[in-house]
Every structure is written in structure tokens, then in C-alpha cells.
């Protein structure tokens, strides 16, 4: 879920390190998954972030809990009327978390694959949503003539 949030957040926000005088390097980094590509200034920091997360994972203790049981650290269950007193509420919460996690994984993979296909980051893809739907519909309807490029399906404003 944080991966999707990260793809959207980095469209407008860039890291500005306090120790590097040349912050233009980070301002010129590509948005989306391209920021992790070799040769970009942000790639080394992403590697460092992964190492820190791995260190935290290795040292975190889950003693006495089942795998995947993170509890409810932000107390969201009460807003859904769950209290974790009964097994039904626990099972419902686990299914809720599992389904939303799967949806977020599909969303992340969809955004990354669309970025690979279009070259646009997660936010930039929304600008082309309408033309893409119109072009896809035109292709599906078995046109008699060739279907134009995506630009030809933009509505004039």
C-alpha cells in the first residue's frame, strides 16, 4: 500500500538532502519507477532505504504472534465496529487486511506496467485516461479503418 502512495507522492515531491550542495540532481530525477534505475542520483538512496528496512525486519520481534498478525496499531478496527473479542471479528479483520493488501499490490503492479508501456508516472497516466479509454473502445469495436494514435483521441478544449 505504501508503494502506491510512494508512486503518487514522488510525482510532486523530491528529496532534498541537507548534505549535498547540488540538489538539482534530485530535481532532475525521473518520477515513478524510473527513479530506481541505475545511474540516477536517487538509486543509491533507494538501496540504502532497502537495507535499513531489512535491518529493521531482521531485528523486529514477532514472538507470540502468528505470521502476518500485525494487530491493529492505528486502532482502525473500532471504526468498523470490530472489537477483537470474538474469533469472527479477528477473522473478518484478517480478511479485510488481506483483500486490501492484494488490491494495493495489483494497483502497484498496474501502475508500474503502465509506466513501462507509456513512460508516464502514476499521476501522469491519469491525464491520458479518457483518450486511452476512447482509443481502446475504438479498437475493440473492430474499426474499418486504422485507429489513430492516442493524441488523436484527446478532446479539444
C-alpha atoms as a PDB file:
ATOM      1  CA  UNK A   1       0.000   0.000   0.000  1.00  0.00           C
ATOM      2  CA  UNK A   2       2.892   2.319   0.713  1.00  0.00           C
ATOM      3  CA  UNK A   3       4.346   1.528  -2.713  1.00  0.00           C
ATOM      4  CA  UNK A   4       1.320   3.035  -4.447  1.00  0.00           C
ATOM      5  CA  UNK A   5       1.458   6.034  -2.121  1.00  0.00           C
ATOM      6  CA  UNK A   6       5.150   6.444  -2.959  1.00  0.00           C
ATOM      7  CA  UNK A   7       4.486   6.371  -6.713  1.00  0.00           C
ATOM      8  CA  UNK A   8       1.901   9.130  -6.329  1.00  0.00           C
ATOM      9  CA  UNK A   9       3.901  11.223  -3.822  1.00  0.00           C
ATOM     10  CA  UNK A  10       7.098  11.363  -5.829  1.00  0.00           C
ATOM     11  CA  UNK A  11       5.280  12.966  -8.744  1.00  0.00           C
ATOM     12  CA  UNK A  12       5.378  16.310  -6.913  1.00  0.00           C
ATOM     13  CA  UNK A  13       7.815  15.831  -4.015  1.00  0.00           C
ATOM     14  CA  UNK A  14      11.561  15.341  -4.306  1.00  0.00           C
ATOM     15  CA  UNK A  15      14.112  14.536  -1.634  1.00  0.00           C
ATOM     16  CA  UNK A  16      16.405  17.470  -0.831  1.00  0.00           C
ATOM     17  CA  UNK A  17      19.449  16.185   1.067  1.00  0.00           C
ATOM     18  CA  UNK A  18      20.931  18.662   3.542  1.00  0.00           C
ATOM     19  CA  UNK A  19      24.481  17.424   2.968  1.00  0.00           C
ATOM     20  CA  UNK A  20      24.540  17.672  -0.838  1.00  0.00           C
ATOM     21  CA  UNK A  21      25.027  21.164  -2.253  1.00  0.00           C
ATOM     22  CA  UNK A  22      23.921  20.120  -5.744  1.00  0.00           C
ATOM     23  CA  UNK A  23      20.209  19.466  -5.140  1.00  0.00           C
ATOM     24  CA  UNK A  24      19.474  19.845  -8.869  1.00  0.00           C
ATOM     25  CA  UNK A  25      20.474  16.187  -9.238  1.00  0.00           C
ATOM     26  CA  UNK A  26      17.410  15.115  -7.301  1.00  0.00           C
ATOM     27  CA  UNK A  27      15.125  17.608  -9.007  1.00  0.00           C
ATOM     28  CA  UNK A  28      16.100  16.106 -12.370  1.00  0.00           C
ATOM     29  CA  UNK A  29      15.473  12.510 -11.249  1.00  0.00           C
ATOM     30  CA  UNK A  30      12.647  10.822 -13.124  1.00  0.00           C
ATOM     31  CA  UNK A  31       9.311  10.195 -11.463  1.00  0.00           C
ATOM     32  CA  UNK A  32       7.900   6.735 -10.940  1.00  0.00           C
ATOM     33  CA  UNK A  33       9.836   3.522 -11.078  1.00  0.00           C
ATOM     34  CA  UNK A  34      12.481   5.178 -13.245  1.00  0.00           C
ATOM     35  CA  UNK A  35      13.892   6.811 -10.095  1.00  0.00           C
ATOM     36  CA  UNK A  36      15.282   3.403  -9.092  1.00  0.00           C
ATOM     37  CA  UNK A  37      17.144   2.898 -12.384  1.00  0.00           C
ATOM     38  CA  UNK A  38      20.904   2.589 -12.311  1.00  0.00           C
ATOM     39  CA  UNK A  39      22.681   5.874 -12.871  1.00  0.00           C
ATOM     40  CA  UNK A  40      20.027   8.099 -11.295  1.00  0.00           C
ATOM     41  CA  UNK A  41      21.001  10.078  -8.180  1.00  0.00           C
ATOM     42  CA  UNK A  42      18.122   8.587  -6.211  1.00  0.00           C
ATOM     43  CA  UNK A  43      19.075   4.933  -6.850  1.00  0.00           C
ATOM     44  CA  UNK A  44      21.730   4.839  -4.124  1.00  0.00           C
ATOM     45  CA  UNK A  45      19.312   6.265  -1.558  1.00  0.00           C
ATOM     46  CA  UNK A  46      16.683   3.703  -2.509  1.00  0.00           C
ATOM     47  CA  UNK A  47      19.263   0.960  -1.915  1.00  0.00           C
ATOM     48  CA  UNK A  48      20.086   2.462   1.463  1.00  0.00           C
ATOM     49  CA  UNK A  49      16.384   2.594   2.342  1.00  0.00           C
ATOM     50  CA  UNK A  50      16.007  -1.096   1.462  1.00  0.00           C
ATOM     51  CA  UNK A  51      18.996  -2.009   3.641  1.00  0.00           C
ATOM     52  CA  UNK A  52      17.568  -0.062   6.601  1.00  0.00           C
ATOM     53  CA  UNK A  53      14.166  -1.718   6.173  1.00  0.00           C
ATOM     54  CA  UNK A  54      15.851  -5.136   6.017  1.00  0.00           C
ATOM     55  CA  UNK A  55      17.777  -4.425   9.206  1.00  0.00           C
ATOM     56  CA  UNK A  56      14.572  -3.429  10.995  1.00  0.00           C
ATOM     57  CA  UNK A  57      12.823  -6.575   9.753  1.00  0.00           C
ATOM     58  CA  UNK A  58      15.643  -8.812  10.986  1.00  0.00           C
ATOM     59  CA  UNK A  59      15.634  -7.237  14.428  1.00  0.00           C
ATOM     60  CA  UNK A  60      11.877  -6.897  14.925  1.00  0.00           C
ATOM     61  CA  UNK A  61      10.340  -9.443  17.256  1.00  0.00           C
ATOM     62  CA  UNK A  62       7.098 -11.232  16.469  1.00  0.00           C
ATOM     63  CA  UNK A  63       7.254 -13.608  19.420  1.00  0.00           C
ATOM     64  CA  UNK A  64       3.871 -14.960  20.403  1.00  0.00           C
ATOM     65  CA  UNK A  65       2.134 -13.921  17.172  1.00  0.00           C
ATOM     66  CA  UNK A  66       1.074 -15.805  14.094  1.00  0.00           C
ATOM     67  CA  UNK A  67       2.760 -14.906  10.786  1.00  0.00           C
ATOM     68  CA  UNK A  68       1.134 -11.822   9.314  1.00  0.00           C
ATOM     69  CA  UNK A  69      -0.522 -10.803  12.593  1.00  0.00           C
ATOM     70  CA  UNK A  70       0.328  -7.127  12.955  1.00  0.00           C
ATOM     71  CA  UNK A  71      -2.619  -6.390  15.191  1.00  0.00           C
ATOM     72  CA  UNK A  72      -4.283  -3.006  14.837  1.00  0.00           C
ATOM     73  CA  UNK A  73      -1.626  -0.373  15.597  1.00  0.00           C
ATOM     74  CA  UNK A  74      -3.754   2.594  14.463  1.00  0.00           C
ATOM     75  CA  UNK A  75      -6.996   1.376  16.080  1.00  0.00           C
ATOM     76  CA  UNK A  76      -8.889   1.291  12.777  1.00  0.00           C
ATOM     77  CA  UNK A  77     -10.968  -1.774  13.694  1.00  0.00           C
ATOM     78  CA  UNK A  78     -13.197   0.146  16.082  1.00  0.00           C
ATOM     79  CA  UNK A  79     -14.327   2.442  13.283  1.00  0.00           C
ATOM     80  CA  UNK A  80     -15.643  -0.690  11.528  1.00  0.00           C
ATOM     81  CA  UNK A  81     -17.373  -1.972  14.658  1.00  0.00           C
ATOM     82  CA  UNK A  82     -14.833  -4.715  15.411  1.00  0.00           C
ATOM     83  CA  UNK A  83     -13.512  -5.312  18.902  1.00  0.00           C
ATOM     84  CA  UNK A  84     -11.297  -8.433  18.546  1.00  0.00           C
ATOM     85  CA  UNK A  85     -13.090 -10.156  21.404  1.00  0.00           C
ATOM     86  CA  UNK A  86     -14.526 -12.906  19.229  1.00  0.00           C
ATOM     87  CA  UNK A  87     -12.943 -15.150  16.625  1.00  0.00           C
ATOM     88  CA  UNK A  88     -15.387 -13.850  13.994  1.00  0.00           C
ATOM     89  CA  UNK A  89     -14.111 -10.288  14.356  1.00  0.00           C
ATOM     90  CA  UNK A  90     -10.488 -11.421  14.142  1.00  0.00           C
ATOM     91  CA  UNK A  91     -11.189 -13.471  11.012  1.00  0.00           C
ATOM     92  CA  UNK A  92     -13.105 -10.575   9.443  1.00  0.00           C
ATOM     93  CA  UNK A  93     -10.239  -8.168  10.156  1.00  0.00           C
ATOM     94  CA  UNK A  94      -7.656 -10.570   8.691  1.00  0.00           C
ATOM     95  CA  UNK A  95      -9.747 -10.964   5.519  1.00  0.00           C
ATOM     96  CA  UNK A  96     -10.180  -7.200   5.326  1.00  0.00           C
ATOM     97  CA  UNK A  97      -6.421  -6.649   5.577  1.00  0.00           C
ATOM     98  CA  UNK A  98      -5.616  -9.453   3.133  1.00  0.00           C
ATOM     99  CA  UNK A  99      -8.042  -8.216   0.481  1.00  0.00           C
ATOM    100  CA  UNK A 100      -6.881  -4.605   0.703  1.00  0.00           C
ATOM    101  CA  UNK A 101      -3.244  -5.697   0.571  1.00  0.00           C
ATOM    102  CA  UNK A 102      -3.938  -7.690  -2.585  1.00  0.00           C
ATOM    103  CA  UNK A 103      -5.747  -4.739  -4.150  1.00  0.00           C
ATOM    104  CA  UNK A 104      -2.779  -2.482  -3.378  1.00  0.00           C
ATOM    105  CA  UNK A 105      -0.353  -4.990  -4.929  1.00  0.00           C
ATOM    106  CA  UNK A 106      -2.420  -5.125  -8.119  1.00  0.00           C
ATOM    107  CA  UNK A 107      -2.585  -1.313  -8.155  1.00  0.00           C
ATOM    108  CA  UNK A 108       1.179  -1.021  -7.765  1.00  0.00           C
ATOM    109  CA  UNK A 109       1.891  -3.590 -10.472  1.00  0.00           C
ATOM    110  CA  UNK A 110      -0.646  -1.921 -12.784  1.00  0.00           C
ATOM    111  CA  UNK A 111       0.940   1.491 -12.280  1.00  0.00           C
ATOM    112  CA  UNK A 112       4.438   0.124 -12.891  1.00  0.00           C
ATOM    113  CA  UNK A 113       3.396  -1.799 -16.007  1.00  0.00           C
ATOM    114  CA  UNK A 114       1.525   1.219 -17.381  1.00  0.00           C
ATOM    115  CA  UNK A 115       4.608   3.352 -16.729  1.00  0.00           C
ATOM    116  CA  UNK A 116       6.747   0.854 -18.638  1.00  0.00           C
ATOM    117  CA  UNK A 117       4.264   0.950 -21.534  1.00  0.00           C
ATOM    118  CA  UNK A 118       3.628   4.707 -21.650  1.00  0.00           C
ATOM    119  CA  UNK A 119       6.644   6.308 -19.999  1.00  0.00           C
ATOM    120  CA  UNK A 120       4.318   8.330 -17.753  1.00  0.00           C
ATOM    121  CA  UNK A 121       4.411   8.125 -13.960  1.00  0.00           C
ATOM    122  CA  UNK A 122       1.388   7.135 -11.858  1.00  0.00           C
ATOM    123  CA  UNK A 123      -0.105  10.651 -11.781  1.00  0.00           C
ATOM    124  CA  UNK A 124       0.744  11.451 -15.397  1.00  0.00           C
ATOM    125  CA  UNK A 125      -1.189   8.381 -16.521  1.00  0.00           C
ATOM    126  CA  UNK A 126      -4.471   9.887 -15.297  1.00  0.00           C
ATOM    127  CA  UNK A 127      -4.124  12.748 -17.777  1.00  0.00           C
ATOM    128  CA  UNK A 128      -4.393  10.200 -20.595  1.00  0.00           C
ATOM    129  CA  UNK A 129      -7.157   8.081 -19.035  1.00  0.00           C
ATOM    130  CA  UNK A 130     -10.011   9.475 -21.149  1.00  0.00           C
ATOM    131  CA  UNK A 131      -8.188   9.281 -24.501  1.00  0.00           C
ATOM    132  CA  UNK A 132      -6.956   5.771 -23.661  1.00  0.00           C
ATOM    133  CA  UNK A 133     -10.494   4.558 -22.929  1.00  0.00           C
ATOM    134  CA  UNK A 134     -11.813   6.104 -26.144  1.00  0.00           C
ATOM    135  CA  UNK A 135      -8.983   4.599 -28.218  1.00  0.00           C
ATOM    136  CA  UNK A 136      -9.369   1.172 -26.591  1.00  0.00           C
ATOM    137  CA  UNK A 137     -13.120   1.278 -27.256  1.00  0.00           C
ATOM    138  CA  UNK A 138     -12.455   2.187 -30.889  1.00  0.00           C
ATOM    139  CA  UNK A 139     -10.066  -0.756 -31.229  1.00  0.00           C
ATOM    140  CA  UNK A 140     -12.481  -3.204 -29.595  1.00  0.00           C
ATOM    141  CA  UNK A 141     -15.327  -2.201 -31.940  1.00  0.00           C
ATOM    142  CA  UNK A 142     -13.413  -3.615 -34.970  1.00  0.00           C
ATOM    143  CA  UNK A 143     -12.996  -0.413 -36.988  1.00  0.00           C
ATOM    144  CA  UNK A 144     -12.951  -0.483 -40.780  1.00  0.00           C
ATOM    145  CA  UNK A 145     -10.034   1.974 -40.956  1.00  0.00           C
ATOM    146  CA  UNK A 146      -6.852   2.301 -38.916  1.00  0.00           C
ATOM    147  CA  UNK A 147      -7.220   3.651 -35.389  1.00  0.00           C
ATOM    148  CA  UNK A 148      -5.259   6.857 -34.758  1.00  0.00           C
ATOM    149  CA  UNK A 149      -2.670   7.418 -32.086  1.00  0.00           C
ATOM    150  CA  UNK A 150      -3.542   8.386 -28.529  1.00  0.00           C
ATOM    151  CA  UNK A 151      -3.135  12.105 -29.203  1.00  0.00           C
ATOM    152  CA  UNK A 152      -5.922  11.995 -31.798  1.00  0.00           C
ATOM    153  CA  UNK A 153      -8.398  10.856 -29.118  1.00  0.00           C
ATOM    154  CA  UNK A 154      -7.911  13.926 -26.884  1.00  0.00           C
ATOM    155  CA  UNK A 155     -10.954  16.154 -26.650  1.00  0.00           C
ATOM    156  CA  UNK A 156     -10.321  19.688 -27.759  1.00  0.00           C
ATOM    157  CA  UNK A 157     -10.908  22.233 -25.006  1.00  0.00           C
END
